[in-house]
Amino acid sequence: MPKKGKHNAVEKPQDRNFCDIAKKFRHNIYGTTKGKIREAVLQRDLEQALVTLDSDQPLRILDVGGGQGQIALFLAQKGHHVTLVDISEPMLELAKERAKKQGLLDDMTFVHAPLQEIPKQSLKQFDLVLCHAVLEWVVEQQAALQVLQSLLAPHGILSLMYFNKSAQRLANMVYGNFDYVANGLKVKQKVGLSPNQPLESEQVDKWLDQLNLVPLSKTGVRCFHDYLRDLEKAELQFDDLLEMELRYNRKEPYASIGRYTHLLLQQA
């Protein structure tokens, strides 16, 4: 039998952070049509969350894995105090630069920490907790949801967006990647921005039900964009595409085939 050693040890899966490619996000995600749709959809949904919370005082908001701070800055501009937590220091620095340019540094707090370590930061609880496009990079996903729930104040709202495995499967069938789908959407070599652990909505719903979080809304993010046969139309007719996304992305079956699923859930 071969001797056990470091060459034979099985590497444990690890959470992903983006310290190495922080600036790449500007161009590959945030600076694209898909990024613009994502931002517009989240802003629309979060406006609903603010109305539901119905406070005449500034809210305490936590943005977990908030990256460069697009959504955090949007909420800070509305007069709320936003704590942005990220595992990537380069991402936090980019967010600070943006906050400084917009005169919002006093309305924000920046914390360098992984999701799992947030309870140790003595931040107390929040009226609104955001966790967008983070869960699919985390190994212990159910435990991560428990952490998020613990950070919510009574009747607080969780804004959770995750990479939808059903939509990933559908898109790859449309592209004709039959072997990839048959292999469970697994490849030997991961692409840098391809999520490690996309989620099945049925599993997420079970976990959330166990936490007694009450669903307020479900939105598909990019229900049409990622299925376009002519990708140039996303650029050439962006306003028309965005209008259709916003019109239909809370209606079934479209809400369930968005590349991401965005849920608003309220603490009982």
C-alpha atoms as a PDB file:
ATOM      1  CA  MET A   1       0.000   0.000   0.000  1.00  0.00           C
ATOM      2  CA  PRO A   2       1.284   3.513  -0.678  1.00  0.00           C
ATOM      3  CA  LYS A   3       2.441   5.473   2.319  1.00  0.00           C
ATOM      4  CA  LYS A   4       0.209   8.243   3.498  1.00  0.00           C
ATOM      5  CA  GLY A   5       1.806  11.607   2.995  1.00  0.00           C
ATOM      6  CA  LYS A   6       1.114  15.104   1.855  1.00  0.00           C
ATOM      7  CA  HIS A   7       0.950  13.947  -1.754  1.00  0.00           C
ATOM      8  CA  ASN A   8      -1.767  11.424  -0.887  1.00  0.00           C
ATOM      9  CA  ALA A   9      -3.785  13.641   1.450  1.00  0.00           C
ATOM     10  CA  VAL A  10      -7.212  14.621   0.223  1.00  0.00           C
ATOM     11  CA  GLU A  11      -7.621  18.381   0.205  1.00  0.00           C
ATOM     12  CA  LYS A  12     -10.704  19.590   2.010  1.00  0.00           C
ATOM     13  CA  PRO A  13     -12.965  21.958   0.070  1.00  0.00           C
ATOM     14  CA  GLN A  14     -12.427  25.572   1.051  1.00  0.00           C
ATOM     15  CA  ASP A  15     -14.523  28.715   0.848  1.00  0.00           C
ATOM     16  CA  ARG A  16     -13.557  30.933  -2.075  1.00  0.00           C
ATOM     17  CA  ASN A  17     -12.445  34.532  -1.754  1.00  0.00           C
ATOM     18  CA  PHE A  18     -11.487  36.940  -4.494  1.00  0.00           C
ATOM     19  CA  CYS A  19      -8.377  38.695  -3.192  1.00  0.00           C
ATOM     20  CA  ASP A  20      -6.524  37.635  -6.334  1.00  0.00           C
ATOM     21  CA  ILE A  21      -9.047  38.921  -8.866  1.00  0.00           C
ATOM     22  CA  ALA A  22     -10.795  41.833  -7.149  1.00  0.00           C
ATOM     23  CA  LYS A  23     -10.253  44.256 -10.039  1.00  0.00           C
ATOM     24  CA  LYS A  24     -11.436  41.646 -12.545  1.00  0.00           C
ATOM     25  CA  PHE A  25     -14.921  41.975 -11.059  1.00  0.00           C
ATOM     26  CA  ARG A  26     -15.195  45.530 -12.388  1.00  0.00           C
ATOM     27  CA  HIS A  27     -15.059  44.286 -15.953  1.00  0.00           C
ATOM     28  CA  ASN A  28     -16.317  40.685 -15.840  1.00  0.00           C
ATOM     29  CA  ILE A  29     -19.340  41.203 -13.601  1.00  0.00           C
ATOM     30  CA  TYR A  30     -20.170  44.734 -12.550  1.00  0.00           C
ATOM     31  CA  GLY A  31     -19.286  46.387 -15.847  1.00  0.00           C
ATOM     32  CA  THR A  32     -21.449  44.105 -18.010  1.00  0.00           C
ATOM     33  CA  THR A  33     -25.101  43.901 -19.009  1.00  0.00           C
ATOM     34  CA  LYS A  34     -25.585  40.972 -16.637  1.00  0.00           C
ATOM     35  CA  GLY A  35     -24.154  43.054 -13.784  1.00  0.00           C
ATOM     36  CA  LYS A  36     -26.395  46.004 -14.627  1.00  0.00           C
ATOM     37  CA  ILE A  37     -29.475  43.760 -14.603  1.00  0.00           C
ATOM     38  CA  ARG A  38     -28.474  42.216 -11.295  1.00  0.00           C
ATOM     39  CA  GLU A  39     -27.968  45.626  -9.704  1.00  0.00           C
ATOM     40  CA  ALA A  40     -31.274  46.998 -11.023  1.00  0.00           C
ATOM     41  CA  VAL A  41     -33.225  43.945  -9.812  1.00  0.00           C
ATOM     42  CA  LEU A  42     -31.666  44.021  -6.348  1.00  0.00           C
ATOM     43  CA  GLN A  43     -32.308  47.744  -5.979  1.00  0.00           C
ATOM     44  CA  ARG A  44     -35.961  47.267  -6.934  1.00  0.00           C
ATOM     45  CA  ASP A  45     -36.394  44.392  -4.464  1.00  0.00           C
ATOM     46  CA  LEU A  46     -34.581  46.178  -1.647  1.00  0.00           C
ATOM     47  CA  GLU A  47     -36.842  49.186  -2.044  1.00  0.00           C
ATOM     48  CA  GLN A  48     -39.643  46.785  -1.093  1.00  0.00           C
ATOM     49  CA  ALA A  49     -37.687  45.590   1.936  1.00  0.00           C
ATOM     50  CA  LEU A  50     -37.238  49.175   3.134  1.00  0.00           C
ATOM     51  CA  VAL A  51     -40.968  49.824   2.768  1.00  0.00           C
ATOM     52  CA  THR A  52     -41.763  46.646   4.722  1.00  0.00           C
ATOM     53  CA  LEU A  53     -39.412  47.646   7.538  1.00  0.00           C
ATOM     54  CA  ASP A  54     -41.198  51.029   7.581  1.00  0.00           C
ATOM     55  CA  SER A  55     -38.880  52.921   9.905  1.00  0.00           C
ATOM     56  CA  ASP A  56     -38.571  56.688  10.248  1.00  0.00           C
ATOM     57  CA  GLN A  57     -35.102  56.125  11.718  1.00  0.00           C
ATOM     58  CA  PRO A  58     -31.928  55.079   9.873  1.00  0.00           C
ATOM     59  CA  LEU A  59     -31.740  51.297   9.645  1.00  0.00           C
ATOM     60  CA  ARG A  60     -28.795  49.167  10.678  1.00  0.00           C
ATOM     61  CA  ILE A  61     -27.840  47.183   7.584  1.00  0.00           C
ATOM     62  CA  LEU A  62     -25.260  44.422   7.181  1.00  0.00           C
ATOM     63  CA  ASP A  63     -23.886  43.533   3.745  1.00  0.00           C
ATOM     64  CA  VAL A  64     -22.116  40.159   3.955  1.00  0.00           C
ATOM     65  CA  GLY A  65     -19.613  39.637   1.155  1.00  0.00           C
ATOM     66  CA  GLY A  66     -20.539  43.069  -0.189  1.00  0.00           C
ATOM     67  CA  GLY A  67     -17.453  43.270  -2.387  1.00  0.00           C
ATOM     68  CA  GLN A  68     -16.949  46.659  -4.007  1.00  0.00           C
ATOM     69  CA  GLY A  69     -20.024  48.041  -2.291  1.00  0.00           C
ATOM     70  CA  GLN A  70     -22.458  48.792  -5.115  1.00  0.00           C
ATOM     71  CA  ILE A  71     -25.550  47.817  -3.133  1.00  0.00           C
ATOM     72  CA  ALA A  72     -24.131  49.003   0.199  1.00  0.00           C
ATOM     73  CA  LEU A  73     -23.562  52.470  -1.256  1.00  0.00           C
ATOM     74  CA  PHE A  74     -27.058  52.509  -2.743  1.00  0.00           C
ATOM     75  CA  LEU A  75     -28.504  51.916   0.745  1.00  0.00           C
ATOM     76  CA  ALA A  76     -26.126  54.324   2.489  1.00  0.00           C
ATOM     77  CA  GLN A  77     -27.213  57.050   0.063  1.00  0.00           C
ATOM     78  CA  LYS A  78     -30.728  56.620   1.451  1.00  0.00           C
ATOM     79  CA  GLY A  79     -29.543  57.602   4.917  1.00  0.00           C
ATOM     80  CA  HIS A  80     -29.006  54.176   6.479  1.00  0.00           C
ATOM     81  CA  HIS A  81     -25.850  52.945   8.191  1.00  0.00           C
ATOM     82  CA  VAL A  82     -24.310  50.016   6.340  1.00  0.00           C
ATOM     83  CA  THR A  83     -21.684  47.636   7.701  1.00  0.00           C
ATOM     84  CA  LEU A  84     -19.890  45.970   4.803  1.00  0.00           C
ATOM     85  CA  VAL A  85     -18.104  42.713   5.632  1.00  0.00           C
ATOM     86  CA  ASP A  86     -15.871  40.913   3.156  1.00  0.00           C
ATOM     87  CA  ILE A  87     -13.193  38.235   3.299  1.00  0.00           C
ATOM     88  CA  SER A  88     -11.194  40.082   0.633  1.00  0.00           C
ATOM     89  CA  GLU A  89      -9.142  43.109   1.714  1.00  0.00           C
ATOM     90  CA  PRO A  90      -8.680  44.334  -1.896  1.00  0.00           C
ATOM     91  CA  MET A  91     -12.468  44.313  -2.312  1.00  0.00           C
ATOM     92  CA  LEU A  92     -12.905  46.309   0.901  1.00  0.00           C
ATOM     93  CA  GLU A  93     -10.343  48.861  -0.251  1.00  0.00           C
ATOM     94  CA  LEU A  94     -12.206  49.334  -3.525  1.00  0.00           C
ATOM     95  CA  ALA A  95     -15.451  49.808  -1.569  1.00  0.00           C
ATOM     96  CA  LYS A  96     -13.803  52.383   0.713  1.00  0.00           C
ATOM     97  CA  GLU A  97     -12.521  54.316  -2.296  1.00  0.00           C
ATOM     98  CA  ARG A  98     -16.022  54.481  -3.742  1.00  0.00           C
ATOM     99  CA  ALA A  99     -17.532  55.511  -0.399  1.00  0.00           C
ATOM    100  CA  LYS A 100     -14.963  58.288  -0.039  1.00  0.00           C
ATOM    101  CA  LYS A 101     -15.676  59.620  -3.539  1.00  0.00           C
ATOM    102  CA  GLN A 102     -19.399  59.700  -2.749  1.00  0.00           C
ATOM    103  CA  GLY A 103     -18.943  61.284   0.688  1.00  0.00           C
ATOM    104  CA  LEU A 104     -20.396  58.269   2.490  1.00  0.00           C
ATOM    105  CA  LEU A 105     -17.528  57.110   4.705  1.00  0.00           C
ATOM    106  CA  ASP A 106     -19.315  58.283   7.869  1.00  0.00           C
ATOM    107  CA  ASP A 107     -22.364  56.206   6.910  1.00  0.00           C
ATOM    108  CA  MET A 108     -20.439  52.980   6.525  1.00  0.00           C
ATOM    109  CA  THR A 109     -18.334  50.549   8.545  1.00  0.00           C
ATOM    110  CA  PHE A 110     -15.894  48.170   6.871  1.00  0.00           C
ATOM    111  CA  VAL A 111     -14.993  44.818   8.446  1.00  0.00           C
ATOM    112  CA  HIS A 112     -12.465  42.320   7.115  1.00  0.00           C
ATOM    113  CA  ALA A 113     -13.770  38.868   8.073  1.00  0.00           C
ATOM    114  CA  PRO A 114     -15.270  35.693   6.619  1.00  0.00           C
ATOM    115  CA  LEU A 115     -18.980  35.094   7.034  1.00  0.00           C
ATOM    116  CA  GLN A 116     -18.437  32.486   9.743  1.00  0.00           C
ATOM    117  CA  GLU A 117     -16.492  34.935  11.926  1.00  0.00           C
ATOM    118  CA  ILE A 118     -19.038  37.755  11.888  1.00  0.00           C
ATOM    119  CA  PRO A 119     -20.666  36.762  15.233  1.00  0.00           C
ATOM    120  CA  LYS A 120     -17.263  37.247  16.875  1.00  0.00           C
ATOM    121  CA  GLN A 121     -17.096  40.875  15.714  1.00  0.00           C
ATOM    122  CA  SER A 122     -19.598  42.101  18.351  1.00  0.00           C
ATOM    123  CA  LEU A 123     -21.672  43.907  15.751  1.00  0.00           C
ATOM    124  CA  LYS A 124     -25.019  43.160  17.430  1.00  0.00           C
ATOM    125  CA  GLN A 125     -28.083  42.538  15.259  1.00  0.00           C
ATOM    126  CA  PHE A 126     -29.329  44.273  12.127  1.00  0.00           C
ATOM    127  CA  ASP A 127     -32.644  45.364  10.657  1.00  0.00           C
ATOM    128  CA  LEU A 128     -31.612  44.208   7.187  1.00  0.00           C
ATOM    129  CA  VAL A 129     -28.964  41.604   6.319  1.00  0.00           C
ATOM    130  CA  LEU A 130     -27.772  41.179   2.730  1.00  0.00           C
ATOM    131  CA  CYS A 131     -25.992  38.101   1.435  1.00  0.00           C
ATOM    132  CA  HIS A 132     -25.702  38.234  -2.339  1.00  0.00           C
ATOM    133  CA  ALA A 133     -23.779  35.715  -4.469  1.00  0.00           C
ATOM    134  CA  VAL A 134     -21.878  34.389  -1.452  1.00  0.00           C
ATOM    135  CA  LEU A 135     -23.574  31.137  -0.457  1.00  0.00           C
ATOM    136  CA  GLU A 136     -22.465  29.297  -3.612  1.00  0.00           C
ATOM    137  CA  TRP A 137     -18.819  29.865  -2.649  1.00  0.00           C
ATOM    138  CA  VAL A 138     -19.237  28.544   0.913  1.00  0.00           C
ATOM    139  CA  VAL A 139     -18.615  24.908   1.842  1.00  0.00           C
ATOM    140  CA  GLU A 140     -20.881  24.713   4.914  1.00  0.00           C
ATOM    141  CA  GLN A 141     -23.926  26.375   3.408  1.00  0.00           C
ATOM    142  CA  GLN A 142     -26.562  25.428   5.981  1.00  0.00           C
ATOM    143  CA  ALA A 143     -24.317  26.643   8.800  1.00  0.00           C
ATOM    144  CA  ALA A 144     -23.817  29.916   6.900  1.00  0.00           C
ATOM    145  CA  LEU A 145     -27.587  30.443   6.784  1.00  0.00           C
ATOM    146  CA  GLN A 146     -27.774  29.873  10.535  1.00  0.00           C
ATOM    147  CA  VAL A 147     -25.154  32.602  11.031  1.00  0.00           C
ATOM    148  CA  LEU A 148     -27.125  35.024   8.853  1.00  0.00           C
ATOM    149  CA  GLN A 149     -30.329  34.303  10.755  1.00  0.00           C
ATOM    150  CA  SER A 150     -28.594  34.934  14.086  1.00  0.00           C
ATOM    151  CA  LEU A 151     -27.594  38.417  12.890  1.00  0.00           C
ATOM    152  CA  LEU A 152     -31.184  39.497  12.242  1.00  0.00           C
ATOM    153  CA  ALA A 153     -33.025  41.655  14.743  1.00  0.00           C
ATOM    154  CA  PRO A 154     -36.618  40.652  15.587  1.00  0.00           C
ATOM    155  CA  HIS A 155     -38.735  41.178  12.448  1.00  0.00           C
ATOM    156  CA  GLY A 156     -35.575  41.959  10.505  1.00  0.00           C
ATOM    157  CA  ILE A 157     -35.285  41.017   6.831  1.00  0.00           C
ATOM    158  CA  LEU A 158     -32.750  38.766   5.112  1.00  0.00           C
ATOM    159  CA  SER A 159     -31.987  39.539   1.469  1.00  0.00           C
ATOM    160  CA  LEU A 160     -30.505  36.300   0.123  1.00  0.00           C
ATOM    161  CA  MET A 161     -29.340  35.826  -3.452  1.00  0.00           C
ATOM    162  CA  TYR A 162     -27.758  32.563  -4.574  1.00  0.00           C
ATOM    163  CA  PHE A 163     -26.623  30.904  -7.805  1.00  0.00           C
ATOM    164  CA  ASN A 164     -29.482  28.729  -9.043  1.00  0.00           C
ATOM    165  CA  LYS A 165     -28.376  25.220 -10.042  1.00  0.00           C
ATOM    166  CA  SER A 166     -31.600  24.553 -11.950  1.00  0.00           C
ATOM    167  CA  ALA A 167     -30.938  27.597 -14.137  1.00  0.00           C
ATOM    168  CA  GLN A 168     -27.326  26.513 -14.617  1.00  0.00           C
ATOM    169  CA  ARG A 169     -28.585  23.114 -15.768  1.00  0.00           C
ATOM    170  CA  LEU A 170     -31.142  24.667 -18.131  1.00  0.00           C
ATOM    171  CA  ALA A 171     -28.649  27.085 -19.663  1.00  0.00           C
ATOM    172  CA  ASN A 172     -26.151  24.317 -20.347  1.00  0.00           C
ATOM    173  CA  MET A 173     -28.826  22.197 -22.010  1.00  0.00           C
ATOM    174  CA  VAL A 174     -29.695  25.186 -24.212  1.00  0.00           C
ATOM    175  CA  TYR A 175     -25.985  25.517 -25.085  1.00  0.00           C
ATOM    176  CA  GLY A 176     -25.837  21.793 -25.908  1.00  0.00           C
ATOM    177  CA  ASN A 177     -23.421  20.880 -23.102  1.00  0.00           C
ATOM    178  CA  PHE A 178     -25.098  17.515 -22.584  1.00  0.00           C
ATOM    179  CA  ASP A 179     -22.054  15.691 -21.154  1.00  0.00           C
ATOM    180  CA  TYR A 180     -21.493  18.463 -18.610  1.00  0.00           C
ATOM    181  CA  VAL A 181     -25.108  18.234 -17.449  1.00  0.00           C
ATOM    182  CA  ALA A 182     -24.964  14.422 -17.354  1.00  0.00           C
ATOM    183  CA  ASN A 183     -21.856  14.722 -15.148  1.00  0.00           C
ATOM    184  CA  GLY A 184     -23.763  16.725 -12.565  1.00  0.00           C
ATOM    185  CA  LEU A 185     -22.387  20.098 -13.738  1.00  0.00           C
ATOM    186  CA  LYS A 186     -18.942  19.127 -12.496  1.00  0.00           C
ATOM    187  CA  VAL A 187     -15.642  19.735 -14.225  1.00  0.00           C
ATOM    188  CA  LYS A 188     -12.074  18.877 -13.270  1.00  0.00           C
ATOM    189  CA  GLN A 189     -10.811  22.421 -13.687  1.00  0.00           C
ATOM    190  CA  LYS A 190     -12.966  25.163 -12.206  1.00  0.00           C
ATOM    191  CA  VAL A 191     -13.256  28.454 -14.074  1.00  0.00           C
ATOM    192  CA  GLY A 192     -12.237  31.417 -11.889  1.00  0.00           C
ATOM    193  CA  LEU A 193     -15.699  32.964 -11.624  1.00  0.00           C
ATOM    194  CA  SER A 194     -17.694  29.734 -11.868  1.00  0.00           C
ATOM    195  CA  PRO A 195     -19.379  29.106  -8.473  1.00  0.00           C
ATOM    196  CA  ASN A 196     -18.090  26.150  -6.471  1.00  0.00           C
ATOM    197  CA  GLN A 197     -21.440  24.997  -5.112  1.00  0.00           C
ATOM    198  CA  PRO A 198     -24.558  26.179  -6.949  1.00  0.00           C
ATOM    199  CA  LEU A 199     -27.706  25.518  -4.951  1.00  0.00           C
ATOM    200  CA  GLU A 200     -30.908  23.589  -5.561  1.00  0.00           C
ATOM    201  CA  SER A 201     -33.837  25.802  -4.554  1.00  0.00           C
ATOM    202  CA  GLU A 202     -35.653  22.909  -2.871  1.00  0.00           C
ATOM    203  CA  GLN A 203     -32.726  22.408  -0.496  1.00  0.00           C
ATOM    204  CA  VAL A 204     -32.418  26.111   0.288  1.00  0.00           C
ATOM    205  CA  ASP A 205     -36.150  26.322   1.006  1.00  0.00           C
ATOM    206  CA  LYS A 206     -35.891  23.414   3.480  1.00  0.00           C
ATOM    207  CA  TRP A 207     -33.020  25.054   5.330  1.00  0.00           C
ATOM    208  CA  LEU A 208     -34.821  28.383   5.502  1.00  0.00           C
ATOM    209  CA  ASP A 209     -38.023  26.738   6.716  1.00  0.00           C
ATOM    210  CA  GLN A 210     -36.079  25.166   9.589  1.00  0.00           C
ATOM    211  CA  LEU A 211     -34.926  28.656  10.574  1.00  0.00           C
ATOM    212  CA  ASN A 212     -38.524  29.923  10.691  1.00  0.00           C
ATOM    213  CA  LEU A 213     -37.791  32.699   8.215  1.00  0.00           C
ATOM    214  CA  VAL A 214     -40.999  33.896   6.583  1.00  0.00           C
ATOM    215  CA  PRO A 215     -40.747  34.330   2.773  1.00  0.00           C
ATOM    216  CA  LEU A 216     -41.823  37.762   1.500  1.00  0.00           C
ATOM    217  CA  SER A 217     -40.835  37.505  -2.153  1.00  0.00           C
ATOM    218  CA  LYS A 218     -38.963  35.420  -4.722  1.00  0.00           C
ATOM    219  CA  THR A 219     -37.278  36.945  -7.750  1.00  0.00           C
ATOM    220  CA  GLY A 220     -35.364  35.433 -10.633  1.00  0.00           C
ATOM    221  CA  VAL A 221     -32.275  37.460 -11.511  1.00  0.00           C
ATOM    222  CA  ARG A 222     -31.480  37.274 -15.244  1.00  0.00           C
ATOM    223  CA  CYS A 223     -34.455  35.186 -16.341  1.00  0.00           C
ATOM    224  CA  PHE A 224     -33.941  36.023 -20.028  1.00  0.00           C
ATOM    225  CA  HIS A 225     -30.481  37.545 -20.435  1.00  0.00           C
ATOM    226  CA  ASP A 226     -28.527  34.311 -20.124  1.00  0.00           C
ATOM    227  CA  TYR A 227     -30.732  32.445 -22.603  1.00  0.00           C
ATOM    228  CA  LEU A 228     -30.464  34.940 -25.471  1.00  0.00           C
ATOM    229  CA  ARG A 229     -29.499  33.342 -28.771  1.00  0.00           C
ATOM    230  CA  ASP A 230     -28.085  36.627 -30.010  1.00  0.00           C
ATOM    231  CA  LEU A 231     -25.959  37.993 -27.168  1.00  0.00           C
ATOM    232  CA  GLU A 232     -25.464  41.310 -28.974  1.00  0.00           C
ATOM    233  CA  LYS A 233     -29.101  42.143 -28.234  1.00  0.00           C
ATOM    234  CA  ALA A 234     -28.211  42.437 -24.534  1.00  0.00           C
ATOM    235  CA  GLU A 235     -26.109  45.471 -25.458  1.00  0.00           C
ATOM    236  CA  LEU A 236     -28.082  46.819 -28.405  1.00  0.00           C
ATOM    237  CA  GLN A 237     -31.511  46.572 -26.744  1.00  0.00           C
ATOM    238  CA  PHE A 238     -30.553  46.673 -23.087  1.00  0.00           C
ATOM    239  CA  ASP A 239     -33.406  48.939 -21.962  1.00  0.00           C
ATOM    240  CA  ASP A 240     -35.990  46.652 -23.583  1.00  0.00           C
ATOM    241  CA  LEU A 241     -34.377  43.586 -22.012  1.00  0.00           C
ATOM    242  CA  LEU A 242     -34.257  45.156 -18.552  1.00  0.00           C
ATOM    243  CA  GLU A 243     -37.909  46.166 -18.804  1.00  0.00           C
ATOM    244  CA  MET A 244     -38.899  42.557 -19.546  1.00  0.00           C
ATOM    245  CA  GLU A 245     -36.697  41.210 -16.751  1.00  0.00           C
ATOM    246  CA  LEU A 246     -38.333  43.522 -14.208  1.00  0.00           C
ATOM    247  CA  ARG A 247     -41.828  42.818 -15.534  1.00  0.00           C
ATOM    248  CA  TYR A 248     -41.678  39.026 -15.371  1.00  0.00           C
ATOM    249  CA  ASN A 249     -38.982  38.021 -12.879  1.00  0.00           C
ATOM    250  CA  ARG A 250     -41.376  37.612  -9.939  1.00  0.00           C
ATOM    251  CA  LYS A 251     -43.835  35.515 -11.933  1.00  0.00           C
ATOM    252  CA  GLU A 252     -43.560  31.776 -12.478  1.00  0.00           C
ATOM    253  CA  PRO A 253     -42.059  29.997 -14.280  1.00  0.00           C
ATOM    254  CA  TYR A 254     -39.569  32.840 -14.801  1.00  0.00           C
ATOM    255  CA  ALA A 255     -38.865  33.421 -11.101  1.00  0.00           C
ATOM    256  CA  SER A 256     -37.503  29.872 -10.891  1.00  0.00           C
ATOM    257  CA  ILE A 257     -35.234  29.969 -13.948  1.00  0.00           C
ATOM    258  CA  GLY A 258     -33.270  33.136 -13.216  1.00  0.00           C
ATOM    259  CA  ARG A 259     -29.518  32.544 -13.128  1.00  0.00           C
ATOM    260  CA  TYR A 260     -29.707  33.732  -9.521  1.00  0.00           C
ATOM    261  CA  THR A 261     -32.596  33.481  -7.088  1.00  0.00           C
ATOM    262  CA  HIS A 262     -33.243  36.460  -4.809  1.00  0.00           C
ATOM    263  CA  LEU A 263     -35.330  35.914  -1.691  1.00  0.00           C
ATOM    264  CA  LEU A 264     -36.597  38.390   0.886  1.00  0.00           C
ATOM    265  CA  LEU A 265     -37.311  36.652   4.201  1.00  0.00           C
ATOM    266  CA  GLN A 266     -38.448  38.075   7.516  1.00  0.00           C
ATOM    267  CA  GLN A 267     -37.457  37.045  11.007  1.00  0.00           C
ATOM    268  CA  ALA A 268     -40.500  35.905  12.974  1.00  0.00           C
END
